[in-house]
Amino acid sequence: MVGNSHNGDGRARDRRPGRTAKATRLVGVLATLGLLAAACGSSSSTSSTASPGVTANSILFGQTVPKSGPAALYGQQALGIQAYFDTINAQGGVNGRKLKLTSLDDQYSPPVALQDTKTLIEQDHVFAIVETNGTATTEASMPIYQQSGIPVVGVGSGASFSYEPLRPFFFNIWPRYTLEGKALGQFAAQTIKSSKIGVIYQNDDFGKTLYQGFQNSGATAAVSIPYDPTQTDFSSAVAQLKSAGVDAVIILAIPGPAISIMNAMAAINFHPKILLSQVSITPSSYSAVNSTEINNSYISAFIPPLTTDSTNPQVAAFLSAMQKYEPSIPAASVFAAWGWEAAQTAVAGLKATKGPLTRASFIAGMNTLTNLPILGGTISYSPTDHSGLKTITVLENINGQRVKPTA
């Protein structure tokens, strides 16, 4: 599978499989010389082999993320990570080491994610993982994370598996999905005062955990409908919601299905208030929604409004870097923002690391981060708490922008 790798400037690049015969012979010669040096008790290789992915002048991070399939928009996270790494590299890196990223497409498929993770750890020898994405895909890779003890900073999930049990190598950033689901339920019942709520949710740990949070909100679903992650036709589900007479629908879905659900609503002239999980959609994809409902919808968020909150120094720094380093996508990409703040957290951990840089010393450094300001809020870790952000809000979608609600 062709993914993305890195070149000398630290930027992610396409990996091209295959080697020339000359290159293969050279690798064999170098390997033989390395074995001879080890047999002679040479210490010259210690700095490069003490920890995978670390050299005298670079640190290699890895990531699996969907760049194709129903959650392809999540691939923008890699661009957010790279933009932050480019910002740090322009300042000289971290302790003289430039930051590199290898980002592979897992297609939002657990088996592919597992294979990608093995590639990153066993072949690419990355130092740490930064902002892996997805509940099912991360769960699939957890055994190899556990076996290797590789640090994982940021996961695009707030499902319970990422918090419990606490894993020494695993550092959450996102708020728990139960907190998000609760916020959406309370907003529907108390702020927009819905008299009858419908819920449609992805039928896996991601959707079920969000739905559990909704149930904890005190609100009641008049009808709740699970859907399969690969489902593309939502006409029957939407007809069921309309038949139930709901005046608000909470959509707990990834981008592809969320867009399909809203288009199916427009197709039958069904116009309830819409409330979306933060993972559902980003302003740059609103044009894919064949309806005007998006202008009256609400979305949970821990990333602040990126188009209307530019006086926030965190937002201003993010937008400036995205415009400079990743002009191919809208600067205000929420998905890129997820990657940016994971990179912020990982770099803060590097700067807090004492002594030689190893995976163990990096984990120890991460555990000292206290009240760290990142784009989405404030992070604190300790050896007994890797729970990440603890607040979430609900914003309104108006004319392609996420703003503080007027309701």
Foldseek 3Di string as FASTA:
>chain_A
DWFWFDDDVQETHIDDDDDDPVVVVVVVVVVVVVVVCVVVVHCPCCQPPVAFQGHPAAAEEEEEFACDALQNLLVLQSVLLRLLLNVQVVVCHAPNHRYHYTYGHQNLDQVSLQVRLCCCCVPVRHQAYFAYEDDSNVVSNVVVCLVVVGAYFEYNAQFCVLPPPDDLRGFYADHHLLQVLLQLLCCCCPVVNWPAEEEEFEPDRRGVSNVNSNVVNVHDHLYYHYDHLNDQACLVVLVVVVVSVTQEYEYHHAARVLLSSQQSCVVVVHAHEYEYEPRHDALVCPVSRPDPNQQRYKYKDLQPWLPPPCVPVQSVVQLVSCVVRPVVDHSRGVSNLSSNQSSVLQSQLSNQFDDRDHSVSSSVSSQQQAQCDHRRGGDHHHSRDSNHDHDMHMFGRRPSTTHRDPD
